[in-house]
């Protein structure tokens, strides 16, 4: 399904698509890589994980290899603030945003919004900041993405001593958060979609864009926040 619900043109790329904003980690499949990317569709930010598991790529129940956290603009800004918090606290820390939406089966909407995904931000006891998108289906891959610069850049102190791993991670997480905030705000302004047109389009087509895919939470209006230590992590 196209992310552009207002015409049949290919989705317009924005600065959110820049490769340097993507994070990667080892997939659950040896030799494969998973990626975490950001996007904004119809004014709504989205965090998407491509699991890198070939067995999921053609599986509808596995989201065709994708796990998504669909947010609104204020929640996305709060998520960025959580990254900054994780980069500055000294102790182990983690928190999540629970993303809910109605689901549709056989043309019938669920009685109430249900959990679709969880967007986690954390700091390990070693001081490393990470983020993760976890599907409601606990059988799906659970992957952590750490903030690590490319191999082309190294941080060195005045003495010639390299920065410790956690120092680099924390600095990079803070810089990444500021960049993500600035880019996302510009995209939200420069690529604004008239919500009156969007709402009218949805009413005319019976919200079919959402009825056919229970994992699509772009219209989610219910996000909860909970926090805790490592005991709260789902893996």
C-alpha atoms as a PDB file:
ATOM      1  CA  UNK A   1       0.000   0.000   0.000  1.00  0.00           C
ATOM      2  CA  UNK A   2       1.301   3.447  -0.857  1.00  0.00           C
ATOM      3  CA  UNK A   3       1.996   5.849   1.987  1.00  0.00           C
ATOM      4  CA  UNK A   4       0.640   8.638  -0.206  1.00  0.00           C
ATOM      5  CA  UNK A   5      -3.132   8.382   0.252  1.00  0.00           C
ATOM      6  CA  UNK A   6      -4.039  11.444  -1.789  1.00  0.00           C
ATOM      7  CA  UNK A   7      -2.781  10.507  -5.266  1.00  0.00           C
ATOM      8  CA  UNK A   8      -0.995   7.759  -7.101  1.00  0.00           C
ATOM      9  CA  UNK A   9       2.315   9.571  -7.410  1.00  0.00           C
ATOM     10  CA  UNK A  10       5.404   7.973  -5.824  1.00  0.00           C
ATOM     11  CA  UNK A  11       6.083   9.146  -2.286  1.00  0.00           C
ATOM     12  CA  UNK A  12       8.107  12.341  -2.289  1.00  0.00           C
ATOM     13  CA  UNK A  13      11.431  11.907  -0.506  1.00  0.00           C
ATOM     14  CA  UNK A  14      12.479  14.413   2.140  1.00  0.00           C
ATOM     15  CA  UNK A  15      15.493  15.091   4.344  1.00  0.00           C
ATOM     16  CA  UNK A  16      14.155  12.369   6.670  1.00  0.00           C
ATOM     17  CA  UNK A  17      15.325   9.880   4.042  1.00  0.00           C
ATOM     18  CA  UNK A  18      18.991  10.814   4.348  1.00  0.00           C
ATOM     19  CA  UNK A  19      21.171   7.758   4.897  1.00  0.00           C
ATOM     20  CA  UNK A  20      22.975   9.279   7.876  1.00  0.00           C
ATOM     21  CA  UNK A  21      19.719   9.254   9.852  1.00  0.00           C
ATOM     22  CA  UNK A  22      19.405   5.482   9.485  1.00  0.00           C
ATOM     23  CA  UNK A  23      20.585   3.192  12.267  1.00  0.00           C
ATOM     24  CA  UNK A  24      21.616  -0.413  11.753  1.00  0.00           C
ATOM     25  CA  UNK A  25      22.283  -3.489  13.848  1.00  0.00           C
ATOM     26  CA  UNK A  26      22.757  -7.216  13.362  1.00  0.00           C
ATOM     27  CA  UNK A  27      19.594  -9.022  12.328  1.00  0.00           C
ATOM     28  CA  UNK A  28      18.383 -12.164  14.073  1.00  0.00           C
ATOM     29  CA  UNK A  29      19.587 -13.923  10.920  1.00  0.00           C
ATOM     30  CA  UNK A  30      23.392 -14.361  10.877  1.00  0.00           C
ATOM     31  CA  UNK A  31      25.061 -12.240   8.233  1.00  0.00           C
ATOM     32  CA  UNK A  32      22.035  -9.974   7.779  1.00  0.00           C
ATOM     33  CA  UNK A  33      21.536  -6.395   8.908  1.00  0.00           C
ATOM     34  CA  UNK A  34      18.418  -4.713  10.310  1.00  0.00           C
ATOM     35  CA  UNK A  35      17.720  -1.015   9.768  1.00  0.00           C
ATOM     36  CA  UNK A  36      15.789   1.649  11.641  1.00  0.00           C
ATOM     37  CA  UNK A  37      14.541   4.587   9.585  1.00  0.00           C
ATOM     38  CA  UNK A  38      12.393   7.675  10.088  1.00  0.00           C
ATOM     39  CA  UNK A  39       9.679   9.194   7.953  1.00  0.00           C
ATOM     40  CA  UNK A  40       6.781  11.637   8.037  1.00  0.00           C
ATOM     41  CA  UNK A  41       3.548  10.776   6.229  1.00  0.00           C
ATOM     42  CA  UNK A  42       0.520  13.085   6.179  1.00  0.00           C
ATOM     43  CA  UNK A  43       1.980  15.122   9.086  1.00  0.00           C
ATOM     44  CA  UNK A  44       2.582  12.020  11.208  1.00  0.00           C
ATOM     45  CA  UNK A  45       6.128  10.875  12.074  1.00  0.00           C
ATOM     46  CA  UNK A  46       6.914   7.193  11.861  1.00  0.00           C
ATOM     47  CA  UNK A  47       9.773   5.031  13.136  1.00  0.00           C
ATOM     48  CA  UNK A  48      10.192   1.860  11.073  1.00  0.00           C
ATOM     49  CA  UNK A  49      12.404  -1.160  11.637  1.00  0.00           C
ATOM     50  CA  UNK A  50      13.260  -3.436   8.719  1.00  0.00           C
ATOM     51  CA  UNK A  51      14.149  -6.670  10.462  1.00  0.00           C
ATOM     52  CA  UNK A  52      16.447  -8.034   7.762  1.00  0.00           C
ATOM     53  CA  UNK A  53      14.907 -11.490   8.174  1.00  0.00           C
ATOM     54  CA  UNK A  54      14.254 -12.894   4.661  1.00  0.00           C
ATOM     55  CA  UNK A  55      11.553 -15.215   6.009  1.00  0.00           C
ATOM     56  CA  UNK A  56       9.467 -12.162   6.987  1.00  0.00           C
ATOM     57  CA  UNK A  57       9.747 -10.250   3.708  1.00  0.00           C
ATOM     58  CA  UNK A  58       6.807 -12.056   2.053  1.00  0.00           C
ATOM     59  CA  UNK A  59       4.839 -12.794   5.230  1.00  0.00           C
ATOM     60  CA  UNK A  60       1.774 -10.615   5.811  1.00  0.00           C
ATOM     61  CA  UNK A  61       1.506 -11.685   9.459  1.00  0.00           C
ATOM     62  CA  UNK A  62       5.118 -10.562   9.932  1.00  0.00           C
ATOM     63  CA  UNK A  63       4.381  -7.155   8.441  1.00  0.00           C
ATOM     64  CA  UNK A  64       6.466  -7.995   5.376  1.00  0.00           C
ATOM     65  CA  UNK A  65       9.579  -7.581   7.491  1.00  0.00           C
ATOM     66  CA  UNK A  66       8.599  -4.215   8.997  1.00  0.00           C
ATOM     67  CA  UNK A  67       7.797  -3.133  12.554  1.00  0.00           C
ATOM     68  CA  UNK A  68       6.392   0.380  12.822  1.00  0.00           C
ATOM     69  CA  UNK A  69       5.798   2.943  15.532  1.00  0.00           C
ATOM     70  CA  UNK A  70       3.351   5.458  14.080  1.00  0.00           C
ATOM     71  CA  UNK A  71       3.275   8.685  16.083  1.00  0.00           C
ATOM     72  CA  UNK A  72       1.957  12.221  15.938  1.00  0.00           C
ATOM     73  CA  UNK A  73       4.194  15.295  15.943  1.00  0.00           C
ATOM     74  CA  UNK A  74       4.014  16.108  19.695  1.00  0.00           C
ATOM     75  CA  UNK A  75       4.716  12.473  20.635  1.00  0.00           C
ATOM     76  CA  UNK A  76       7.674  12.378  18.224  1.00  0.00           C
ATOM     77  CA  UNK A  77       9.141  15.476  19.877  1.00  0.00           C
ATOM     78  CA  UNK A  78       8.679  13.781  23.251  1.00  0.00           C
ATOM     79  CA  UNK A  79      10.479  10.706  21.915  1.00  0.00           C
ATOM     80  CA  UNK A  80      13.443  12.893  20.925  1.00  0.00           C
ATOM     81  CA  UNK A  81      13.445  14.331  24.444  1.00  0.00           C
ATOM     82  CA  UNK A  82      13.620  10.782  25.804  1.00  0.00           C
ATOM     83  CA  UNK A  83      16.787  10.168  23.766  1.00  0.00           C
ATOM     84  CA  UNK A  84      18.327  13.316  25.250  1.00  0.00           C
ATOM     85  CA  UNK A  85      17.333  12.206  28.741  1.00  0.00           C
ATOM     86  CA  UNK A  86      18.904   8.770  28.238  1.00  0.00           C
ATOM     87  CA  UNK A  87      22.129  10.430  27.088  1.00  0.00           C
ATOM     88  CA  UNK A  88      22.413  12.564  30.223  1.00  0.00           C
ATOM     89  CA  UNK A  89      21.302  10.345  33.113  1.00  0.00           C
ATOM     90  CA  UNK A  90      24.072   8.470  34.860  1.00  0.00           C
ATOM     91  CA  UNK A  91      22.221   5.313  35.827  1.00  0.00           C
ATOM     92  CA  UNK A  92      20.667   2.483  33.820  1.00  0.00           C
ATOM     93  CA  UNK A  93      17.331   3.681  32.456  1.00  0.00           C
ATOM     94  CA  UNK A  94      14.598   2.741  30.015  1.00  0.00           C
ATOM     95  CA  UNK A  95      11.095   3.830  29.039  1.00  0.00           C
ATOM     96  CA  UNK A  96       8.593   3.117  26.314  1.00  0.00           C
ATOM     97  CA  UNK A  97       5.769   4.718  24.373  1.00  0.00           C
ATOM     98  CA  UNK A  98       2.896   2.298  23.790  1.00  0.00           C
ATOM     99  CA  UNK A  99       1.240   2.891  20.424  1.00  0.00           C
ATOM    100  CA  UNK A 100      -2.380   1.837  20.066  1.00  0.00           C
ATOM    101  CA  UNK A 101      -4.980   1.930  17.317  1.00  0.00           C
ATOM    102  CA  UNK A 102      -8.213   0.324  16.220  1.00  0.00           C
ATOM    103  CA  UNK A 103      -7.821  -2.775  14.078  1.00  0.00           C
ATOM    104  CA  UNK A 104     -10.139  -4.007  11.337  1.00  0.00           C
ATOM    105  CA  UNK A 105     -11.030  -7.603  10.535  1.00  0.00           C
ATOM    106  CA  UNK A 106     -13.609  -8.548   7.911  1.00  0.00           C
ATOM    107  CA  UNK A 107     -14.781  -4.944   7.778  1.00  0.00           C
ATOM    108  CA  UNK A 108     -15.421  -4.729  11.536  1.00  0.00           C
ATOM    109  CA  UNK A 109     -13.537  -2.357  13.783  1.00  0.00           C
ATOM    110  CA  UNK A 110     -12.233  -3.517  17.156  1.00  0.00           C
ATOM    111  CA  UNK A 111     -14.228  -2.341  20.166  1.00  0.00           C
ATOM    112  CA  UNK A 112     -11.326  -0.274  21.474  1.00  0.00           C
ATOM    113  CA  UNK A 113      -7.765   0.654  20.474  1.00  0.00           C
ATOM    114  CA  UNK A 114      -5.303  -2.198  20.962  1.00  0.00           C
ATOM    115  CA  UNK A 115      -1.526  -2.262  21.297  1.00  0.00           C
ATOM    116  CA  UNK A 116       0.244  -2.184  17.935  1.00  0.00           C
ATOM    117  CA  UNK A 117       3.849  -1.460  18.887  1.00  0.00           C
ATOM    118  CA  UNK A 118       6.157  -0.138  21.591  1.00  0.00           C
ATOM    119  CA  UNK A 119       8.828   2.491  21.014  1.00  0.00           C
ATOM    120  CA  UNK A 120      11.629   2.040  23.565  1.00  0.00           C
ATOM    121  CA  UNK A 121      14.469   4.325  24.583  1.00  0.00           C
ATOM    122  CA  UNK A 122      17.093   3.125  27.032  1.00  0.00           C
ATOM    123  CA  UNK A 123      20.506   3.376  28.591  1.00  0.00           C
ATOM    124  CA  UNK A 124      22.467   0.243  29.518  1.00  0.00           C
ATOM    125  CA  UNK A 125      24.389  -0.186  32.754  1.00  0.00           C
ATOM    126  CA  UNK A 126      27.509   0.358  30.623  1.00  0.00           C
ATOM    127  CA  UNK A 127      26.161   3.805  29.676  1.00  0.00           C
ATOM    128  CA  UNK A 128      25.129   3.107  26.061  1.00  0.00           C
ATOM    129  CA  UNK A 129      21.978   4.754  24.661  1.00  0.00           C
ATOM    130  CA  UNK A 130      19.712   2.699  22.394  1.00  0.00           C
ATOM    131  CA  UNK A 131      16.255   2.710  20.808  1.00  0.00           C
ATOM    132  CA  UNK A 132      13.972  -0.100  19.687  1.00  0.00           C
ATOM    133  CA  UNK A 133      10.587  -0.716  18.081  1.00  0.00           C
ATOM    134  CA  UNK A 134       8.861  -3.816  19.438  1.00  0.00           C
ATOM    135  CA  UNK A 135       5.803  -5.349  17.775  1.00  0.00           C
ATOM    136  CA  UNK A 136       2.775  -6.344  19.824  1.00  0.00           C
ATOM    137  CA  UNK A 137       3.363  -9.828  18.450  1.00  0.00           C
ATOM    138  CA  UNK A 138       6.106 -10.961  20.804  1.00  0.00           C
ATOM    139  CA  UNK A 139       7.319 -13.569  18.310  1.00  0.00           C
ATOM    140  CA  UNK A 140       8.701 -10.788  16.088  1.00  0.00           C
ATOM    141  CA  UNK A 141      12.392  -9.831  16.307  1.00  0.00           C
ATOM    142  CA  UNK A 142      13.406  -7.602  19.229  1.00  0.00           C
ATOM    143  CA  UNK A 143      16.337  -5.473  18.127  1.00  0.00           C
ATOM    144  CA  UNK A 144      18.280  -2.698  19.831  1.00  0.00           C
ATOM    145  CA  UNK A 145      19.811   0.111  17.788  1.00  0.00           C
ATOM    146  CA  UNK A 146      22.736   1.895  19.447  1.00  0.00           C
ATOM    147  CA  UNK A 147      23.946   5.393  18.614  1.00  0.00           C
ATOM    148  CA  UNK A 148      27.315   4.813  17.001  1.00  0.00           C
ATOM    149  CA  UNK A 149      29.072   7.025  14.434  1.00  0.00           C
ATOM    150  CA  UNK A 150      30.489   5.543  11.262  1.00  0.00           C
ATOM    151  CA  UNK A 151      33.981   4.093  11.076  1.00  0.00           C
ATOM    152  CA  UNK A 152      35.119   7.208   9.217  1.00  0.00           C
ATOM    153  CA  UNK A 153      34.993   9.419  12.322  1.00  0.00           C
ATOM    154  CA  UNK A 154      36.845   8.990  15.623  1.00  0.00           C
ATOM    155  CA  UNK A 155      36.721  11.164  18.723  1.00  0.00           C
ATOM    156  CA  UNK A 156      40.078  11.900  20.328  1.00  0.00           C
ATOM    157  CA  UNK A 157      40.893  13.897  23.451  1.00  0.00           C
ATOM    158  CA  UNK A 158      43.557  16.595  23.635  1.00  0.00           C
ATOM    159  CA  UNK A 159      45.930  14.101  25.210  1.00  0.00           C
ATOM    160  CA  UNK A 160      45.598  11.826  22.181  1.00  0.00           C
ATOM    161  CA  UNK A 161      43.510   9.343  24.162  1.00  0.00           C
ATOM    162  CA  UNK A 162      40.420   8.098  22.324  1.00  0.00           C
ATOM    163  CA  UNK A 163      37.024   8.735  23.868  1.00  0.00           C
ATOM    164  CA  UNK A 164      35.532   5.793  25.756  1.00  0.00           C
ATOM    165  CA  UNK A 165      32.749   3.879  23.995  1.00  0.00           C
ATOM    166  CA  UNK A 166      30.037   5.286  26.262  1.00  0.00           C
ATOM    167  CA  UNK A 167      31.349   8.852  25.858  1.00  0.00           C
ATOM    168  CA  UNK A 168      31.150   8.603  22.072  1.00  0.00           C
ATOM    169  CA  UNK A 169      27.713   7.014  22.264  1.00  0.00           C
ATOM    170  CA  UNK A 170      26.341   9.726  24.550  1.00  0.00           C
ATOM    171  CA  UNK A 171      27.762  12.583  22.461  1.00  0.00           C
ATOM    172  CA  UNK A 172      26.471  11.024  19.268  1.00  0.00           C
ATOM    173  CA  UNK A 173      23.019  10.399  20.760  1.00  0.00           C
ATOM    174  CA  UNK A 174      22.737  14.059  21.763  1.00  0.00           C
ATOM    175  CA  UNK A 175      23.883  15.303  18.359  1.00  0.00           C
ATOM    176  CA  UNK A 176      21.604  12.813  16.602  1.00  0.00           C
ATOM    177  CA  UNK A 177      18.612  13.957  18.669  1.00  0.00           C
ATOM    178  CA  UNK A 178      19.234  17.613  17.796  1.00  0.00           C
ATOM    179  CA  UNK A 179      19.603  16.768  14.108  1.00  0.00           C
ATOM    180  CA  UNK A 180      16.465  14.611  14.128  1.00  0.00           C
ATOM    181  CA  UNK A 181      14.508  17.403  15.801  1.00  0.00           C
ATOM    182  CA  UNK A 182      15.644  20.050  13.328  1.00  0.00           C
ATOM    183  CA  UNK A 183      15.077  17.929  10.236  1.00  0.00           C
ATOM    184  CA  UNK A 184      11.670  16.662  11.354  1.00  0.00           C
ATOM    185  CA  UNK A 185      10.440  20.155  12.185  1.00  0.00           C
ATOM    186  CA  UNK A 186      11.478  21.435   8.760  1.00  0.00           C
ATOM    187  CA  UNK A 187       9.780  18.522   7.003  1.00  0.00           C
ATOM    188  CA  UNK A 188       6.592  18.993   9.025  1.00  0.00           C
ATOM    189  CA  UNK A 189       6.459  22.652   7.977  1.00  0.00           C
ATOM    190  CA  UNK A 190       7.573  22.311   4.354  1.00  0.00           C
ATOM    191  CA  UNK A 191       5.543  19.183   3.570  1.00  0.00           C
ATOM    192  CA  UNK A 192       2.375  19.981   5.510  1.00  0.00           C
ATOM    193  CA  UNK A 193      -0.749  18.161   4.300  1.00  0.00           C
ATOM    194  CA  UNK A 194      -4.089  19.927   4.653  1.00  0.00           C
ATOM    195  CA  UNK A 195      -5.830  17.832   7.297  1.00  0.00           C
ATOM    196  CA  UNK A 196      -9.272  18.947   6.149  1.00  0.00           C
ATOM    197  CA  UNK A 197      -8.565  17.312   2.771  1.00  0.00           C
ATOM    198  CA  UNK A 198      -7.173  14.231   4.498  1.00  0.00           C
ATOM    199  CA  UNK A 199     -10.226  13.872   6.735  1.00  0.00           C
ATOM    200  CA  UNK A 200     -12.584  14.326   3.792  1.00  0.00           C
ATOM    201  CA  UNK A 201     -10.677  11.712   1.798  1.00  0.00           C
ATOM    202  CA  UNK A 202     -10.944   9.251   4.686  1.00  0.00           C
ATOM    203  CA  UNK A 203     -14.674   9.821   5.077  1.00  0.00           C
ATOM    204  CA  UNK A 204     -15.245   9.311   1.359  1.00  0.00           C
ATOM    205  CA  UNK A 205     -13.373   6.011   1.149  1.00  0.00           C
ATOM    206  CA  UNK A 206     -14.576   4.642   4.471  1.00  0.00           C
ATOM    207  CA  UNK A 207     -11.054   4.691   5.927  1.00  0.00           C
ATOM    208  CA  UNK A 208     -10.173   1.718   3.751  1.00  0.00           C
ATOM    209  CA  UNK A 209      -6.499   2.556   4.128  1.00  0.00           C
ATOM    210  CA  UNK A 210      -6.760   1.416   7.727  1.00  0.00           C
ATOM    211  CA  UNK A 211      -9.301  -1.381   7.514  1.00  0.00           C
ATOM    212  CA  UNK A 212      -7.096  -3.628   5.447  1.00  0.00           C
ATOM    213  CA  UNK A 213      -3.973  -3.452   7.610  1.00  0.00           C
ATOM    214  CA  UNK A 214      -4.252  -3.929  11.380  1.00  0.00           C
ATOM    215  CA  UNK A 215      -0.632  -2.801  11.771  1.00  0.00           C
ATOM    216  CA  UNK A 216      -1.303   0.629  10.280  1.00  0.00           C
ATOM    217  CA  UNK A 217      -1.570   3.069  13.186  1.00  0.00           C
ATOM    218  CA  UNK A 218      -1.155   6.340  11.345  1.00  0.00           C
ATOM    219  CA  UNK A 219      -4.419   7.613  12.826  1.00  0.00           C
ATOM    220  CA  UNK A 220      -3.545   6.514  16.341  1.00  0.00           C
ATOM    221  CA  UNK A 221      -4.806   8.971  18.940  1.00  0.00           C
ATOM    222  CA  UNK A 222      -3.859   6.906  21.972  1.00  0.00           C
ATOM    223  CA  UNK A 223      -0.254   6.623  23.136  1.00  0.00           C
ATOM    224  CA  UNK A 224       0.718   5.704  26.676  1.00  0.00           C
ATOM    225  CA  UNK A 225       4.001   6.276  28.475  1.00  0.00           C
ATOM    226  CA  UNK A 226       5.536   4.001  31.063  1.00  0.00           C
ATOM    227  CA  UNK A 227       9.021   3.748  32.461  1.00  0.00           C
ATOM    228  CA  UNK A 228      11.161   1.487  34.543  1.00  0.00           C
ATOM    229  CA  UNK A 229      14.450  -0.322  34.851  1.00  0.00           C
ATOM    230  CA  UNK A 230      15.743  -3.335  32.995  1.00  0.00           C
ATOM    231  CA  UNK A 231      13.121  -5.609  34.560  1.00  0.00           C
ATOM    232  CA  UNK A 232      10.487  -3.896  32.403  1.00  0.00           C
ATOM    233  CA  UNK A 233      12.200  -4.723  29.114  1.00  0.00           C
ATOM    234  CA  UNK A 234      10.358  -7.243  26.945  1.00  0.00           C
ATOM    235  CA  UNK A 235      13.506  -9.187  26.117  1.00  0.00           C
END
